[in-house]
C-alpha atoms as a PDB file:
ATOM      1  CA  ARG A   1       0.000   0.000   0.000  1.00  0.00           C
ATOM      2  CA  ASP A   2       1.204   3.548  -0.780  1.00  0.00           C
ATOM      3  CA  LYS A   3       2.478   5.074   2.424  1.00  0.00           C
ATOM      4  CA  HIS A   4       0.821   8.357   1.424  1.00  0.00           C
ATOM      5  CA  SER A   5      -2.589   6.849   0.891  1.00  0.00           C
ATOM      6  CA  VAL A   6      -5.401   7.681   3.372  1.00  0.00           C
ATOM      7  CA  THR A   7      -7.252   4.866   5.054  1.00  0.00           C
ATOM      8  CA  GLN A   8     -10.932   5.197   4.362  1.00  0.00           C
ATOM      9  CA  ILE A   9     -13.250   4.841   7.335  1.00  0.00           C
ATOM     10  CA  PRO A  10     -16.128   2.560   6.459  1.00  0.00           C
ATOM     11  CA  LYS A  11     -19.393   4.394   5.998  1.00  0.00           C
ATOM     12  CA  SER A  12     -21.170   1.968   8.305  1.00  0.00           C
ATOM     13  CA  PHE A  13     -18.757   2.875  11.106  1.00  0.00           C
ATOM     14  CA  LYS A  14     -19.353   6.594  10.534  1.00  0.00           C
ATOM     15  CA  ASN A  15     -23.092   6.039  10.747  1.00  0.00           C
ATOM     16  CA  LYS A  16     -22.734   4.124  13.996  1.00  0.00           C
ATOM     17  CA  CYS A  17     -20.588   6.867  15.534  1.00  0.00           C
ATOM     18  CA  PHE A  18     -23.064   9.513  14.412  1.00  0.00           C
ATOM     19  CA  CYS A  19     -25.969   7.574  15.895  1.00  0.00           C
ATOM     20  CA  PHE A  20     -24.084   7.081  19.160  1.00  0.00           C
ATOM     21  CA  ILE A  21     -23.296  10.797  19.453  1.00  0.00           C
ATOM     22  CA  ARG A  22     -26.878  11.774  18.666  1.00  0.00           C
ATOM     23  CA  ALA A  23     -28.182   9.263  21.194  1.00  0.00           C
ATOM     24  CA  ALA A  24     -25.806  10.618  23.852  1.00  0.00           C
ATOM     25  CA  GLN A  25     -26.890  14.184  23.082  1.00  0.00           C
ATOM     26  CA  CYS A  26     -30.566  13.259  23.273  1.00  0.00           C
ATOM     27  CA  THR A  27     -29.988  11.430  26.552  1.00  0.00           C
ATOM     28  CA  LEU A  28     -28.190  14.403  28.065  1.00  0.00           C
ATOM     29  CA  ILE A  29     -30.884  16.822  26.902  1.00  0.00           C
ATOM     30  CA  THR A  30     -33.622  14.553  28.228  1.00  0.00           C
ATOM     31  CA  LEU A  31     -31.913  14.198  31.594  1.00  0.00           C
ATOM     32  CA  ALA A  32     -31.339  17.941  31.725  1.00  0.00           C
ATOM     33  CA  ALA A  33     -34.973  18.628  30.931  1.00  0.00           C
ATOM     34  CA  LEU A  34     -36.139  16.205  33.608  1.00  0.00           C
ATOM     35  CA  TRP A  35     -33.759  17.709  36.141  1.00  0.00           C
ATOM     36  CA  LEU A  36     -34.662  21.293  35.365  1.00  0.00           C
ATOM     37  CA  SER A  37     -38.374  20.598  35.173  1.00  0.00           C
ATOM     38  CA  ALA A  38     -38.107  19.498  38.788  1.00  0.00           C
ATOM     39  CA  CYS A  39     -36.155  22.588  39.829  1.00  0.00           C
ATOM     40  CA  THR A  40     -39.212  24.481  41.056  1.00  0.00           C
ATOM     41  CA  SER A  41     -40.324  21.548  43.187  1.00  0.00           C
ATOM     42  CA  VAL A  42     -36.866  21.044  44.687  1.00  0.00           C
ATOM     43  CA  PHE A  43     -37.092  24.497  46.207  1.00  0.00           C
ATOM     44  CA  PHE A  44     -39.369  22.722  48.683  1.00  0.00           C
ATOM     45  CA  TYR A  45     -38.120  20.075  51.107  1.00  0.00           C
ATOM     46  CA  PRO A  46     -41.056  19.565  53.495  1.00  0.00           C
ATOM     47  CA  ASP A  47     -40.993  17.221  56.467  1.00  0.00           C
ATOM     48  CA  ASP A  48     -43.929  16.235  58.681  1.00  0.00           C
ATOM     49  CA  ASP A  49     -41.802  15.101  61.632  1.00  0.00           C
ATOM     50  CA  MET A  50     -42.694  17.520  64.451  1.00  0.00           C
ATOM     51  CA  ARG A  51     -40.352  15.861  66.925  1.00  0.00           C
ATOM     52  CA  HIS A  52     -39.940  18.904  69.164  1.00  0.00           C
ATOM     53  CA  THR A  53     -42.103  21.713  70.509  1.00  0.00           C
ATOM     54  CA  PRO A  54     -41.253  24.988  72.266  1.00  0.00           C
ATOM     55  CA  THR A  55     -41.914  23.372  75.644  1.00  0.00           C
ATOM     56  CA  ASP A  56     -38.744  21.309  75.124  1.00  0.00           C
ATOM     57  CA  VAL A  57     -36.774  24.492  75.790  1.00  0.00           C
ATOM     58  CA  GLY A  58     -39.141  25.795  78.449  1.00  0.00           C
ATOM     59  CA  LEU A  59     -40.945  28.246  76.197  1.00  0.00           C
ATOM     60  CA  ALA A  60     -44.673  28.870  76.464  1.00  0.00           C
ATOM     61  CA  TYR A  61     -46.615  28.583  73.234  1.00  0.00           C
ATOM     62  CA  ARG A  62     -50.043  28.060  71.745  1.00  0.00           C
ATOM     63  CA  GLU A  63     -50.948  25.705  68.907  1.00  0.00           C
ATOM     64  CA  VAL A  64     -52.588  27.604  66.051  1.00  0.00           C
ATOM     65  CA  MET A  65     -54.702  26.196  63.225  1.00  0.00           C
ATOM     66  CA  MET A  66     -55.621  28.588  60.421  1.00  0.00           C
ATOM     67  CA  ALA A  67     -58.017  27.907  57.571  1.00  0.00           C
ATOM     68  CA  GLY A  68     -55.930  28.270  54.419  1.00  0.00           C
ATOM     69  CA  GLN A  69     -56.729  28.042  50.738  1.00  0.00           C
ATOM     70  CA  ALA A  70     -55.416  24.466  50.487  1.00  0.00           C
ATOM     71  CA  GLY A  71     -56.552  23.299  53.912  1.00  0.00           C
ATOM     72  CA  GLN A  72     -55.560  23.846  57.516  1.00  0.00           C
ATOM     73  CA  LEU A  73     -52.288  25.624  58.283  1.00  0.00           C
ATOM     74  CA  HIS A  74     -50.461  24.820  61.484  1.00  0.00           C
ATOM     75  CA  GLY A  75     -48.541  27.382  63.495  1.00  0.00           C
ATOM     76  CA  TRP A  76     -47.075  28.240  66.880  1.00  0.00           C
ATOM     77  CA  TRP A  77     -47.886  31.445  68.725  1.00  0.00           C
ATOM     78  CA  LEU A  78     -44.997  32.421  71.015  1.00  0.00           C
ATOM     79  CA  PRO A  79     -46.128  35.145  73.442  1.00  0.00           C
ATOM     80  CA  ALA A  80     -43.787  37.740  74.893  1.00  0.00           C
ATOM     81  CA  VAL A  81     -42.631  36.842  78.404  1.00  0.00           C
ATOM     82  CA  GLN A  82     -44.301  39.910  79.917  1.00  0.00           C
ATOM     83  CA  GLY A  83     -47.628  38.885  78.361  1.00  0.00           C
ATOM     84  CA  GLU A  84     -48.871  38.944  74.789  1.00  0.00           C
ATOM     85  CA  ALA A  85     -50.997  42.063  75.345  1.00  0.00           C
ATOM     86  CA  GLU A  86     -47.972  43.947  76.724  1.00  0.00           C
ATOM     87  CA  ALA A  87     -45.569  42.903  73.954  1.00  0.00           C
ATOM     88  CA  LEU A  88     -43.275  45.506  72.449  1.00  0.00           C
ATOM     89  CA  GLY A  89     -44.331  44.288  69.011  1.00  0.00           C
ATOM     90  CA  THR A  90     -45.205  41.189  66.984  1.00  0.00           C
ATOM     91  CA  LEU A  91     -43.343  39.314  64.248  1.00  0.00           C
ATOM     92  CA  VAL A  92     -44.800  36.917  61.691  1.00  0.00           C
ATOM     93  CA  TYR A  93     -42.013  34.576  60.631  1.00  0.00           C
ATOM     94  CA  ALA A  94     -41.931  32.795  57.245  1.00  0.00           C
ATOM     95  CA  HIS A  95     -39.217  30.136  57.408  1.00  0.00           C
ATOM     96  CA  GLY A  96     -36.840  28.609  54.845  1.00  0.00           C
ATOM     97  CA  ASN A  97     -37.369  25.727  52.460  1.00  0.00           C
ATOM     98  CA  ALA A  98     -36.354  22.635  54.419  1.00  0.00           C
ATOM     99  CA  GLY A  99     -38.098  20.596  57.108  1.00  0.00           C
ATOM    100  CA  ASN A 100     -40.735  22.497  59.066  1.00  0.00           C
ATOM    101  CA  MET A 101     -40.981  24.940  61.955  1.00  0.00           C
ATOM    102  CA  VAL A 102     -38.868  22.699  64.170  1.00  0.00           C
ATOM    103  CA  GLU A 103     -35.730  23.199  62.047  1.00  0.00           C
ATOM    104  CA  HIS A 104     -36.171  26.974  62.021  1.00  0.00           C
ATOM    105  CA  PHE A 105     -37.335  27.492  65.591  1.00  0.00           C
ATOM    106  CA  THR A 106     -34.053  28.878  66.940  1.00  0.00           C
ATOM    107  CA  ALA A 107     -34.201  31.846  64.561  1.00  0.00           C
ATOM    108  CA  VAL A 108     -37.026  33.367  66.610  1.00  0.00           C
ATOM    109  CA  SER A 109     -37.178  31.369  69.875  1.00  0.00           C
ATOM    110  CA  TRP A 110     -35.119  34.006  71.704  1.00  0.00           C
ATOM    111  CA  LEU A 111     -37.412  36.910  70.813  1.00  0.00           C
ATOM    112  CA  PRO A 112     -40.199  36.329  73.394  1.00  0.00           C
ATOM    113  CA  GLU A 113     -37.615  36.835  76.159  1.00  0.00           C
ATOM    114  CA  GLN A 114     -36.786  40.158  74.529  1.00  0.00           C
ATOM    115  CA  GLY A 115     -40.429  41.226  74.767  1.00  0.00           C
ATOM    116  CA  TYR A 116     -41.833  40.294  71.341  1.00  0.00           C
ATOM    117  CA  ASN A 117     -44.694  38.057  70.250  1.00  0.00           C
ATOM    118  CA  VAL A 118     -43.898  35.690  67.378  1.00  0.00           C
ATOM    119  CA  LEU A 119     -46.192  33.774  65.045  1.00  0.00           C
ATOM    120  CA  MET A 120     -44.359  31.066  63.140  1.00  0.00           C
ATOM    121  CA  PHE A 121     -46.193  28.715  60.818  1.00  0.00           C
ATOM    122  CA  ASP A 122     -45.730  25.930  58.311  1.00  0.00           C
ATOM    123  CA  TYR A 123     -46.593  26.343  54.643  1.00  0.00           C
ATOM    124  CA  ARG A 124     -48.936  23.901  52.955  1.00  0.00           C
ATOM    125  CA  GLY A 125     -47.327  20.466  52.841  1.00  0.00           C
ATOM    126  CA  TYR A 126     -44.913  21.242  55.690  1.00  0.00           C
ATOM    127  CA  GLY A 127     -45.303  19.817  59.194  1.00  0.00           C
ATOM    128  CA  TYR A 128     -48.986  19.396  60.003  1.00  0.00           C
ATOM    129  CA  SER A 129     -50.175  21.878  57.362  1.00  0.00           C
ATOM    130  CA  GLU A 130     -52.326  20.440  54.588  1.00  0.00           C
ATOM    131  CA  GLY A 131     -51.792  20.689  50.831  1.00  0.00           C
ATOM    132  CA  GLU A 132     -48.849  20.740  48.422  1.00  0.00           C
ATOM    133  CA  PRO A 133     -46.295  23.576  48.341  1.00  0.00           C
ATOM    134  CA  SER A 134     -45.877  25.857  45.347  1.00  0.00           C
ATOM    135  CA  PRO A 135     -44.486  29.400  44.871  1.00  0.00           C
ATOM    136  CA  LYS A 136     -47.938  31.004  44.780  1.00  0.00           C
ATOM    137  CA  GLY A 137     -49.269  28.681  47.458  1.00  0.00           C
ATOM    138  CA  ILE A 138     -46.692  29.533  50.120  1.00  0.00           C
ATOM    139  CA  ALA A 139     -47.176  33.250  49.426  1.00  0.00           C
ATOM    140  CA  ARG A 140     -50.915  32.813  50.050  1.00  0.00           C
ATOM    141  CA  ASP A 141     -50.137  30.920  53.253  1.00  0.00           C
ATOM    142  CA  THR A 142     -47.897  33.752  54.429  1.00  0.00           C
ATOM    143  CA  LEU A 143     -50.644  36.250  53.721  1.00  0.00           C
ATOM    144  CA  ARG A 144     -53.058  34.109  55.726  1.00  0.00           C
ATOM    145  CA  ALA A 145     -50.640  34.072  58.677  1.00  0.00           C
ATOM    146  CA  VAL A 146     -50.413  37.875  58.626  1.00  0.00           C
ATOM    147  CA  GLU A 147     -54.207  38.113  58.577  1.00  0.00           C
ATOM    148  CA  TRP A 148     -54.460  35.736  61.524  1.00  0.00           C
ATOM    149  CA  ALA A 149     -51.906  37.674  63.571  1.00  0.00           C
ATOM    150  CA  ARG A 150     -53.572  41.023  62.962  1.00  0.00           C
ATOM    151  CA  ALA A 151     -56.994  39.628  63.857  1.00  0.00           C
ATOM    152  CA  TYR A 152     -55.647  38.002  67.017  1.00  0.00           C
ATOM    153  CA  LEU A 153     -53.892  41.178  68.143  1.00  0.00           C
ATOM    154  CA  SER A 154     -57.050  43.216  67.642  1.00  0.00           C
ATOM    155  CA  GLY A 155     -58.702  40.996  70.249  1.00  0.00           C
ATOM    156  CA  LEU A 156     -55.956  41.698  72.795  1.00  0.00           C
ATOM    157  CA  GLY A 157     -56.589  45.426  72.969  1.00  0.00           C
ATOM    158  CA  ASP A 158     -55.732  48.610  71.143  1.00  0.00           C
ATOM    159  CA  ALA A 159     -52.275  49.054  72.628  1.00  0.00           C
ATOM    160  CA  VAL A 160     -50.648  45.915  71.241  1.00  0.00           C
ATOM    161  CA  ALA A 161     -52.723  46.014  68.038  1.00  0.00           C
ATOM    162  CA  GLN A 162     -51.532  49.540  67.291  1.00  0.00           C
ATOM    163  CA  ARG A 163     -47.914  48.525  67.743  1.00  0.00           C
ATOM    164  CA  GLY A 164     -48.495  46.392  64.681  1.00  0.00           C
ATOM    165  CA  VAL A 165     -46.790  43.481  62.940  1.00  0.00           C
ATOM    166  CA  MET A 166     -43.464  43.084  61.190  1.00  0.00           C
ATOM    167  CA  LEU A 167     -43.296  40.403  58.497  1.00  0.00           C
ATOM    168  CA  TYR A 168     -39.988  38.550  58.536  1.00  0.00           C
ATOM    169  CA  GLY A 169     -39.029  36.064  55.808  1.00  0.00           C
ATOM    170  CA  HIS A 170     -35.844  34.018  55.631  1.00  0.00           C
ATOM    171  CA  SER A 171     -34.557  32.583  52.328  1.00  0.00           C
ATOM    172  CA  LEU A 172     -37.576  30.931  50.637  1.00  0.00           C
ATOM    173  CA  GLY A 173     -39.719  32.633  53.268  1.00  0.00           C
ATOM    174  CA  GLY A 174     -38.455  36.005  52.097  1.00  0.00           C
ATOM    175  CA  ALA A 175     -39.732  35.295  48.586  1.00  0.00           C
ATOM    176  CA  ALA A 176     -43.113  34.285  50.044  1.00  0.00           C
ATOM    177  CA  ALA A 177     -43.188  37.322  52.342  1.00  0.00           C
ATOM    178  CA  ALA A 178     -42.465  39.804  49.547  1.00  0.00           C
ATOM    179  CA  VAL A 179     -45.237  38.415  47.338  1.00  0.00           C
ATOM    180  CA  ALA A 180     -47.652  38.265  50.290  1.00  0.00           C
ATOM    181  CA  ALA A 181     -46.937  41.901  51.136  1.00  0.00           C
ATOM    182  CA  ALA A 182     -47.571  42.899  47.527  1.00  0.00           C
ATOM    183  CA  HIS A 183     -51.025  41.296  47.587  1.00  0.00           C
ATOM    184  CA  VAL A 184     -52.255  42.080  51.093  1.00  0.00           C
ATOM    185  CA  PRO A 185     -55.357  44.332  51.079  1.00  0.00           C
ATOM    186  CA  ARG A 186     -54.401  47.950  51.765  1.00  0.00           C
ATOM    187  CA  THR A 187     -55.772  50.141  54.518  1.00  0.00           C
ATOM    188  CA  GLU A 188     -58.173  53.016  53.858  1.00  0.00           C
ATOM    189  CA  GLN A 189     -55.090  55.208  53.526  1.00  0.00           C
ATOM    190  CA  GLY A 190     -53.699  52.895  50.840  1.00  0.00           C
ATOM    191  CA  LYS A 191     -50.900  51.531  53.047  1.00  0.00           C
ATOM    192  CA  VAL A 192     -49.653  47.991  53.588  1.00  0.00           C
ATOM    193  CA  PRO A 193     -51.232  47.034  56.953  1.00  0.00           C
ATOM    194  CA  PHE A 194     -48.073  46.156  58.856  1.00  0.00           C
ATOM    195  CA  LYS A 195     -45.067  47.975  60.200  1.00  0.00           C
ATOM    196  CA  ALA A 196     -42.169  46.687  58.117  1.00  0.00           C
ATOM    197  CA  LEU A 197     -40.756  43.887  55.991  1.00  0.00           C
ATOM    198  CA  LEU A 198     -37.469  42.113  56.736  1.00  0.00           C
ATOM    199  CA  LEU A 199     -36.008  39.922  53.971  1.00  0.00           C
ATOM    200  CA  ASP A 200     -33.160  37.736  55.183  1.00  0.00           C
ATOM    201  CA  SER A 201     -30.889  35.866  52.732  1.00  0.00           C
ATOM    202  CA  THR A 202     -33.588  35.927  50.050  1.00  0.00           C
ATOM    203  CA  PHE A 203     -33.261  35.194  46.328  1.00  0.00           C
ATOM    204  CA  ALA A 204     -34.417  37.481  43.514  1.00  0.00           C
ATOM    205  CA  SER A 205     -36.554  34.856  41.756  1.00  0.00           C
ATOM    206  CA  TYR A 206     -36.869  31.103  41.414  1.00  0.00           C
ATOM    207  CA  GLN A 207     -35.381  31.296  37.927  1.00  0.00           C
ATOM    208  CA  SER A 208     -32.409  33.446  38.905  1.00  0.00           C
ATOM    209  CA  MET A 209     -31.648  31.131  41.800  1.00  0.00           C
ATOM    210  CA  ALA A 210     -31.801  28.079  39.498  1.00  0.00           C
ATOM    211  CA  LYS A 211     -29.466  29.811  37.031  1.00  0.00           C
ATOM    212  CA  ALA A 212     -27.005  30.648  39.788  1.00  0.00           C
ATOM    213  CA  LYS A 213     -26.928  27.012  40.848  1.00  0.00           C
ATOM    214  CA  VAL A 214     -26.415  25.508  37.380  1.00  0.00           C
ATOM    215  CA  ARG A 215     -23.785  28.096  36.454  1.00  0.00           C
ATOM    216  CA  GLY A 216     -21.880  27.281  39.616  1.00  0.00           C
ATOM    217  CA  GLN A 217     -21.024  23.760  38.415  1.00  0.00           C
ATOM    218  CA  TRP A 218     -19.062  23.070  35.221  1.00  0.00           C
ATOM    219  CA  LEU A 219     -21.092  19.936  34.591  1.00  0.00           C
ATOM    220  CA  THR A 220     -24.389  21.843  34.495  1.00  0.00           C
ATOM    221  CA  ALA A 221     -23.322  25.323  33.340  1.00  0.00           C
ATOM    222  CA  TRP A 222     -24.468  24.613  29.782  1.00  0.00           C
ATOM    223  CA  LEU A 223     -28.030  24.103  31.061  1.00  0.00           C
ATOM    224  CA  SER A 224     -28.430  27.768  31.976  1.00  0.00           C
ATOM    225  CA  PRO A 225     -30.306  28.762  28.762  1.00  0.00           C
ATOM    226  CA  LEU A 226     -32.924  26.081  29.506  1.00  0.00           C
ATOM    227  CA  VAL A 227     -33.838  27.482  32.929  1.00  0.00           C
ATOM    228  CA  PRO A 228     -36.479  30.000  31.714  1.00  0.00           C
ATOM    229  CA  LEU A 229     -38.198  27.217  29.768  1.00  0.00           C
ATOM    230  CA  LEU A 230     -38.358  24.677  32.545  1.00  0.00           C
ATOM    231  CA  VAL A 231     -38.305  26.516  35.891  1.00  0.00           C
ATOM    232  CA  SER A 232     -41.312  28.446  37.102  1.00  0.00           C
ATOM    233  CA  GLY A 233     -41.137  32.166  36.439  1.00  0.00           C
ATOM    234  CA  GLU A 234     -44.178  32.928  38.585  1.00  0.00           C
ATOM    235  CA  VAL A 235     -44.151  35.327  41.534  1.00  0.00           C
ATOM    236  CA  PRO A 236     -40.539  36.590  41.335  1.00  0.00           C
ATOM    237  CA  THR A 237     -39.490  38.475  44.473  1.00  0.00           C
ATOM    238  CA  VAL A 238     -38.112  41.382  42.456  1.00  0.00           C
ATOM    239  CA  ASN A 239     -41.451  41.908  40.686  1.00  0.00           C
ATOM    240  CA  ALA A 240     -43.358  42.116  43.955  1.00  0.00           C
ATOM    241  CA  LEU A 241     -41.129  44.689  45.633  1.00  0.00           C
ATOM    242  CA  PRO A 242     -42.005  47.732  43.476  1.00  0.00           C
ATOM    243  CA  ARG A 243     -45.604  47.344  44.692  1.00  0.00           C
ATOM    244  CA  LEU A 244     -44.590  48.028  48.303  1.00  0.00           C
ATOM    245  CA  GLN A 245     -44.226  51.775  48.098  1.00  0.00           C
ATOM    246  CA  GLY A 246     -44.204  53.335  51.552  1.00  0.00           C
ATOM    247  CA  LEU A 247     -43.481  50.094  53.434  1.00  0.00           C
ATOM    248  CA  PRO A 248     -40.149  50.223  55.299  1.00  0.00           C
ATOM    249  CA  LEU A 249     -37.939  47.417  54.009  1.00  0.00           C
ATOM    250  CA  TRP A 250     -34.736  45.889  55.320  1.00  0.00           C
ATOM    251  CA  VAL A 251     -32.726  43.420  53.258  1.00  0.00           C
ATOM    252  CA  VAL A 252     -29.990  41.484  55.076  1.00  0.00           C
ATOM    253  CA  HIS A 253     -27.474  39.025  53.622  1.00  0.00           C
ATOM    254  CA  SER A 254     -24.091  37.516  54.368  1.00  0.00           C
ATOM    255  CA  GLU A 255     -21.284  38.026  51.878  1.00  0.00           C
ATOM    256  CA  SER A 256     -20.210  34.447  52.632  1.00  0.00           C
ATOM    257  CA  ASP A 257     -23.616  32.852  52.043  1.00  0.00           C
ATOM    258  CA  ARG A 258     -22.978  29.575  50.195  1.00  0.00           C
ATOM    259  CA  ILE A 259     -26.637  28.743  49.608  1.00  0.00           C
ATOM    260  CA  VAL A 260     -28.108  31.980  48.242  1.00  0.00           C
ATOM    261  CA  PRO A 261     -25.332  34.127  46.725  1.00  0.00           C
ATOM    262  CA  PHE A 262     -24.835  37.625  48.134  1.00  0.00           C
ATOM    263  CA  GLU A 263     -25.575  39.087  44.693  1.00  0.00           C
ATOM    264  CA  GLN A 264     -29.110  37.709  44.946  1.00  0.00           C
ATOM    265  CA  GLY A 265     -29.678  39.821  48.039  1.00  0.00           C
ATOM    266  CA  ARG A 266     -28.334  42.893  46.273  1.00  0.00           C
ATOM    267  CA  GLN A 267     -30.731  42.293  43.375  1.00  0.00           C
ATOM    268  CA  VAL A 268     -33.608  42.089  45.832  1.00  0.00           C
ATOM    269  CA  PHE A 269     -32.580  45.386  47.401  1.00  0.00           C
ATOM    270  CA  GLU A 270     -32.121  47.180  44.080  1.00  0.00           C
ATOM    271  CA  ALA A 271     -35.607  46.133  42.936  1.00  0.00           C
ATOM    272  CA  ALA A 272     -37.297  47.726  45.948  1.00  0.00           C
ATOM    273  CA  LEU A 273     -38.506  51.291  46.290  1.00  0.00           C
ATOM    274  CA  GLU A 274     -37.649  53.639  49.127  1.00  0.00           C
ATOM    275  CA  PRO A 275     -37.786  53.566  52.101  1.00  0.00           C
ATOM    276  CA  LYS A 276     -35.262  50.725  52.325  1.00  0.00           C
ATOM    277  CA  GLN A 277     -31.934  49.769  53.863  1.00  0.00           C
ATOM    278  CA  PHE A 278     -29.405  47.020  53.187  1.00  0.00           C
ATOM    279  CA  HIS A 279     -27.419  45.397  55.976  1.00  0.00           C
ATOM    280  CA  THR A 280     -24.499  42.987  55.563  1.00  0.00           C
ATOM    281  CA  LEU A 281     -24.639  40.263  58.189  1.00  0.00           C
ATOM    282  CA  ALA A 282     -21.537  39.444  60.224  1.00  0.00           C
ATOM    283  CA  THR A 283     -22.236  35.706  60.045  1.00  0.00           C
ATOM    284  CA  ASP A 284     -20.803  33.464  57.333  1.00  0.00           C
ATOM    285  CA  ARG A 285     -23.817  31.135  57.370  1.00  0.00           C
ATOM    286  CA  HIS A 286     -27.057  31.041  55.381  1.00  0.00           C
ATOM    287  CA  ASN A 287     -29.115  29.439  58.160  1.00  0.00           C
ATOM    288  CA  HIS A 288     -27.577  31.687  60.778  1.00  0.00           C
ATOM    289  CA  GLY A 289     -30.526  31.884  63.192  1.00  0.00           C
ATOM    290  CA  TRP A 290     -29.180  35.181  64.580  1.00  0.00           C
ATOM    291  CA  GLN A 291     -26.550  33.222  66.536  1.00  0.00           C
ATOM    292  CA  HIS A 292     -23.819  35.787  65.842  1.00  0.00           C
ATOM    293  CA  GLN A 293     -23.970  38.312  68.681  1.00  0.00           C
ATOM    294  CA  GLU A 294     -23.310  41.273  66.393  1.00  0.00           C
ATOM    295  CA  ASP A 295     -26.217  40.315  64.148  1.00  0.00           C
ATOM    296  CA  ARG A 296     -28.518  39.679  67.107  1.00  0.00           C
ATOM    297  CA  ALA A 297     -27.723  43.083  68.600  1.00  0.00           C
ATOM    298  CA  TRP A 298     -28.431  44.711  65.234  1.00  0.00           C
ATOM    299  CA  LEU A 299     -31.840  43.021  64.983  1.00  0.00           C
ATOM    300  CA  LEU A 300     -32.866  44.035  68.507  1.00  0.00           C
ATOM    301  CA  GLU A 301     -31.931  47.631  67.786  1.00  0.00           C
ATOM    302  CA  LEU A 302     -33.913  47.453  64.545  1.00  0.00           C
ATOM    303  CA  LEU A 303     -37.012  46.062  66.269  1.00  0.00           C
ATOM    304  CA  ASN A 304     -36.838  48.811  68.867  1.00  0.00           C
ATOM    305  CA  ARG A 305     -36.736  51.420  66.119  1.00  0.00           C
ATOM    306  CA  ILE A 306     -39.596  49.836  64.175  1.00  0.00           C
ATOM    307  CA  PHE A 307     -42.034  49.413  67.043  1.00  0.00           C
ATOM    308  CA  SER A 308     -41.226  52.642  68.878  1.00  0.00           C
ATOM    309  CA  HIS A 309     -42.114  54.916  65.939  1.00  0.00           C
ATOM    310  CA  PRO A 310     -45.785  55.711  65.262  1.00  0.00           C
ATOM    311  CA  ASP A 311     -44.787  56.740  61.740  1.00  0.00           C
ATOM    312  CA  ASP A 312     -43.357  53.599  60.149  1.00  0.00           C
ATOM    313  CA  THR A 313     -40.961  55.419  57.818  1.00  0.00           C
ATOM    314  CA  ASP A 314     -39.273  57.143  60.781  1.00  0.00           C
ATOM    315  CA  ALA A 315     -37.805  53.786  61.785  1.00  0.00           C
ATOM    316  CA  LEU A 316     -35.396  53.990  58.880  1.00  0.00           C
ATOM    317  CA  GLY A 317     -33.780  56.962  60.483  1.00  0.00           C
END
């Protein structure tokens, strides 16, 4: 054979290689589609194991059942140590995406000793709450919790009712809280009927969070263009915030957050209207639970400012 001649690859072999490559591509695309199509649902990791209650740490509480859109919602009412009617203020707490109230209890369990009432609750499908979680669903559940708290306070007397409610959402709960605040019925003066909104380690939207996750891994980075097609684009946090004109807003985030990137918190803040403030947490954890003393001191000072000002916007200083 001529040493300069080129060996011809059999056509049948070329066809087999082509078919193999196409099959591999189709398999990868199919797996990617299946994975991404589940991305919205994997924002939710509910657990119905309520293995602890506040009494385990010596804290008084009341079981709460609220009629929600998808069934009964379960919550815990944690009264201030000096008495619920004498509380300095009241917080409604919307927790993060995993487990149930038990896993997130320490984030607010210390507040009753500081003089504040707390209502914490489980979204549909979490803990003892009925239904299946969804982005719109958990926002409706958060709105229902705010309604319950305001109605309950009105029965305790004018003093504590007039001090009002602050809505506090952490991570997934921040997304739910923002959308709930955007849809809560306004007062006769056209205002959102609670004192303030605190968004802690919250993402800008379900889609942006999914993109951040797939871009963060070389194996999945190429899936980023598919996210808008396969991950829910409903109720983005950043779309709700412009509807909250006049409601004092605080956005807090750790620069070292490994779950929800710091940039997500900045996007949330930039989407909001005044009055607003951004605070960088001292902790390096996403599920920080206010365990860092510097962060805890900051929150107590913030709550004092919020509930000691008759005019909500004055709390921003």
